[in-house]
Amino acid sequence: MSDTVYKIVPASLWQSARQKGSFGGAPVDLADGFIHFSTAAQAKETAEKHFSGQTDLLLVAVDGASLGDALVYEPSRGGQLFPHLYGSLPLDAVLWEKPLPLGPDGAHLFPEMN
């Protein structure tokens, strides 16, 4: 299993995180008490379920191993284990960020994830 985890985030929210030097989470993360991440295999389903039709999104790849014990895999949809970060995301753990545009069919077009 890859140590890379992914966060789908509105570009404006991510710009604010860049200015602060860390990402504290989107409103849903703050409400739930942890930052929601997805594995590469889960990211497309996450986009369909939670971000359908939304534009101006980024896909942020994060080195999960660098987050240590604050990153916990917990059961969620259908019993799948999803990565949850209990704490802020330090931007030095970010591997890359790429736009997540909508394709002609209305689904998000994902970059290659590894």
C-alpha atoms as a PDB file:
ATOM      1  CA  MET A   1       0.000   0.000   0.000  1.00  0.00           C
ATOM      2  CA  SER A   2       1.246   3.462  -0.912  1.00  0.00           C
ATOM      3  CA  ASP A   3       1.993   5.948   1.849  1.00  0.00           C
ATOM      4  CA  THR A   4       0.517   8.720  -0.298  1.00  0.00           C
ATOM      5  CA  VAL A   5      -2.907  10.026   0.717  1.00  0.00           C
ATOM      6  CA  TYR A   6      -5.044  12.542  -1.147  1.00  0.00           C
ATOM      7  CA  LYS A   7      -7.174  15.531  -0.210  1.00  0.00           C
ATOM      8  CA  ILE A   8      -9.704  17.163  -2.518  1.00  0.00           C
ATOM      9  CA  VAL A   9      -9.952  20.814  -1.548  1.00  0.00           C
ATOM     10  CA  PRO A  10     -11.378  24.038  -2.997  1.00  0.00           C
ATOM     11  CA  ALA A  11      -8.544  26.114  -4.468  1.00  0.00           C
ATOM     12  CA  SER A  12      -9.532  29.191  -2.422  1.00  0.00           C
ATOM     13  CA  LEU A  13      -9.340  27.234   0.831  1.00  0.00           C
ATOM     14  CA  TRP A  14      -5.944  25.817  -0.170  1.00  0.00           C
ATOM     15  CA  GLN A  15      -4.642  29.306  -1.018  1.00  0.00           C
ATOM     16  CA  SER A  16      -5.506  30.356   2.522  1.00  0.00           C
ATOM     17  CA  ALA A  17      -3.614  27.324   3.890  1.00  0.00           C
ATOM     18  CA  ARG A  18      -0.560  28.265   1.823  1.00  0.00           C
ATOM     19  CA  GLN A  19      -0.570  31.713   3.408  1.00  0.00           C
ATOM     20  CA  LYS A  20      -0.849  30.232   6.920  1.00  0.00           C
ATOM     21  CA  GLY A  21       1.728  27.493   6.323  1.00  0.00           C
ATOM     22  CA  SER A  22      -0.610  24.665   7.338  1.00  0.00           C
ATOM     23  CA  PHE A  23      -4.063  23.321   6.495  1.00  0.00           C
ATOM     24  CA  GLY A  24      -6.483  23.037   9.384  1.00  0.00           C
ATOM     25  CA  GLY A  25      -9.230  21.451   7.342  1.00  0.00           C
ATOM     26  CA  ALA A  26     -12.349  22.197   5.335  1.00  0.00           C
ATOM     27  CA  PRO A  27     -15.638  22.892   7.163  1.00  0.00           C
ATOM     28  CA  VAL A  28     -16.562  19.173   7.134  1.00  0.00           C
ATOM     29  CA  ASP A  29     -13.156  18.308   8.613  1.00  0.00           C
ATOM     30  CA  LEU A  30     -13.535  20.873  11.375  1.00  0.00           C
ATOM     31  CA  ALA A  31     -17.025  19.549  12.169  1.00  0.00           C
ATOM     32  CA  ASP A  32     -15.803  15.929  12.305  1.00  0.00           C
ATOM     33  CA  GLY A  33     -12.631  16.652  14.298  1.00  0.00           C
ATOM     34  CA  PHE A  34     -10.173  15.297  11.726  1.00  0.00           C
ATOM     35  CA  ILE A  35      -9.059  15.948   8.154  1.00  0.00           C
ATOM     36  CA  HIS A  36     -10.581  13.493   5.688  1.00  0.00           C
ATOM     37  CA  PHE A  37      -8.192  11.942   3.173  1.00  0.00           C
ATOM     38  CA  SER A  38      -8.578   9.235   0.554  1.00  0.00           C
ATOM     39  CA  THR A  39      -6.245   6.624  -0.858  1.00  0.00           C
ATOM     40  CA  ALA A  40      -5.607   6.642  -4.617  1.00  0.00           C
ATOM     41  CA  ALA A  41      -8.235   3.906  -5.001  1.00  0.00           C
ATOM     42  CA  GLN A  42     -10.833   5.923  -3.049  1.00  0.00           C
ATOM     43  CA  ALA A  43     -10.292   9.442  -4.440  1.00  0.00           C
ATOM     44  CA  LYS A  44     -12.562   9.210  -7.498  1.00  0.00           C
ATOM     45  CA  GLU A  45     -15.467   7.866  -5.440  1.00  0.00           C
ATOM     46  CA  THR A  46     -14.877  10.638  -2.881  1.00  0.00           C
ATOM     47  CA  ALA A  47     -15.062  13.231  -5.676  1.00  0.00           C
ATOM     48  CA  GLU A  48     -18.304  11.735  -7.003  1.00  0.00           C
ATOM     49  CA  LYS A  49     -19.914  11.488  -3.565  1.00  0.00           C
ATOM     50  CA  HIS A  50     -18.835  14.772  -1.967  1.00  0.00           C
ATOM     51  CA  PHE A  51     -17.736  17.134  -4.774  1.00  0.00           C
ATOM     52  CA  SER A  52     -20.060  16.323  -7.694  1.00  0.00           C
ATOM     53  CA  GLY A  53     -20.230  19.187 -10.180  1.00  0.00           C
ATOM     54  CA  GLN A  54     -17.873  21.416  -8.176  1.00  0.00           C
ATOM     55  CA  THR A  55     -15.268  23.409 -10.032  1.00  0.00           C
ATOM     56  CA  ASP A  56     -12.070  25.121  -8.869  1.00  0.00           C
ATOM     57  CA  LEU A  57     -10.882  22.096  -6.901  1.00  0.00           C
ATOM     58  CA  LEU A  58      -7.369  20.823  -6.268  1.00  0.00           C
ATOM     59  CA  LEU A  59      -6.134  17.316  -5.651  1.00  0.00           C
ATOM     60  CA  VAL A  60      -3.404  17.457  -3.029  1.00  0.00           C
ATOM     61  CA  ALA A  61      -1.030  14.508  -2.593  1.00  0.00           C
ATOM     62  CA  VAL A  62       0.441  14.099   0.877  1.00  0.00           C
ATOM     63  CA  ASP A  63       3.227  11.905   2.231  1.00  0.00           C
ATOM     64  CA  GLY A  64       1.186   9.978   4.785  1.00  0.00           C
ATOM     65  CA  ALA A  65       4.282   8.448   6.386  1.00  0.00           C
ATOM     66  CA  SER A  66       5.522  11.906   7.361  1.00  0.00           C
ATOM     67  CA  LEU A  67       2.367  12.504   9.412  1.00  0.00           C
ATOM     68  CA  GLY A  68       3.228   9.768  11.897  1.00  0.00           C
ATOM     69  CA  ASP A  69       0.668   8.562  14.434  1.00  0.00           C
ATOM     70  CA  ALA A  70      -1.659  11.511  13.716  1.00  0.00           C
ATOM     71  CA  LEU A  71      -2.758   9.713  10.511  1.00  0.00           C
ATOM     72  CA  VAL A  72      -5.188   6.926  11.393  1.00  0.00           C
ATOM     73  CA  TYR A  73      -6.972   4.546   9.016  1.00  0.00           C
ATOM     74  CA  GLU A  74     -10.558   4.127  10.200  1.00  0.00           C
ATOM     75  CA  PRO A  75     -13.623   2.348   8.781  1.00  0.00           C
ATOM     76  CA  SER A  76     -16.013   4.483   6.779  1.00  0.00           C
ATOM     77  CA  ARG A  77     -18.043   3.883   3.586  1.00  0.00           C
ATOM     78  CA  GLY A  78     -18.840   0.199   3.300  1.00  0.00           C
ATOM     79  CA  GLY A  79     -16.236  -0.674   5.922  1.00  0.00           C
ATOM     80  CA  GLN A  80     -13.343   0.634   3.820  1.00  0.00           C
ATOM     81  CA  LEU A  81     -10.442   2.064   5.805  1.00  0.00           C
ATOM     82  CA  PHE A  82     -10.028   5.772   5.139  1.00  0.00           C
ATOM     83  CA  PRO A  83      -7.060   7.896   6.245  1.00  0.00           C
ATOM     84  CA  HIS A  84      -7.988  10.554   8.817  1.00  0.00           C
ATOM     85  CA  LEU A  85      -5.535  13.139  10.124  1.00  0.00           C
ATOM     86  CA  TYR A  86      -6.008  14.207  13.729  1.00  0.00           C
ATOM     87  CA  GLY A  87      -4.317  17.602  13.637  1.00  0.00           C
ATOM     88  CA  SER A  88      -3.317  20.197  11.082  1.00  0.00           C
ATOM     89  CA  LEU A  89      -1.624  19.266   7.842  1.00  0.00           C
ATOM     90  CA  PRO A  90       1.887  20.766   7.658  1.00  0.00           C
ATOM     91  CA  LEU A  91       2.520  21.944   4.110  1.00  0.00           C
ATOM     92  CA  ASP A  92       5.977  20.364   4.083  1.00  0.00           C
ATOM     93  CA  ALA A  93       4.184  16.975   3.938  1.00  0.00           C
ATOM     94  CA  VAL A  94       2.589  17.930   0.589  1.00  0.00           C
ATOM     95  CA  LEU A  95       4.119  16.119  -2.391  1.00  0.00           C
ATOM     96  CA  TRP A  96       2.158  17.984  -5.069  1.00  0.00           C
ATOM     97  CA  GLU A  97      -1.085  19.760  -5.824  1.00  0.00           C
ATOM     98  CA  LYS A  98      -2.878  19.629  -9.171  1.00  0.00           C
ATOM     99  CA  PRO A  99      -6.127  21.033 -10.568  1.00  0.00           C
ATOM    100  CA  LEU A 100      -9.134  18.722 -10.559  1.00  0.00           C
ATOM    101  CA  PRO A 101     -11.211  19.985 -13.496  1.00  0.00           C
ATOM    102  CA  LEU A 102     -14.564  18.686 -14.651  1.00  0.00           C
ATOM    103  CA  GLY A 103     -14.605  16.675 -17.854  1.00  0.00           C
ATOM    104  CA  PRO A 104     -17.249  16.886 -20.601  1.00  0.00           C
ATOM    105  CA  ASP A 105     -19.284  14.187 -18.825  1.00  0.00           C
ATOM    106  CA  GLY A 106     -19.345  16.191 -15.578  1.00  0.00           C
ATOM    107  CA  ALA A 107     -16.940  13.852 -13.760  1.00  0.00           C
ATOM    108  CA  HIS A 108     -13.638  15.161 -12.408  1.00  0.00           C
ATOM    109  CA  LEU A 109     -10.540  14.486 -14.484  1.00  0.00           C
ATOM    110  CA  PHE A 110      -7.881  13.020 -12.206  1.00  0.00           C
ATOM    111  CA  PRO A 111      -4.136  13.293 -12.804  1.00  0.00           C
ATOM    112  CA  GLU A 112      -2.017  10.185 -12.502  1.00  0.00           C
ATOM    113  CA  MET A 113      -1.752   9.148  -8.859  1.00  0.00           C
ATOM    114  CA  ASN A 114       0.949   6.870  -7.497  1.00  0.00           C
END
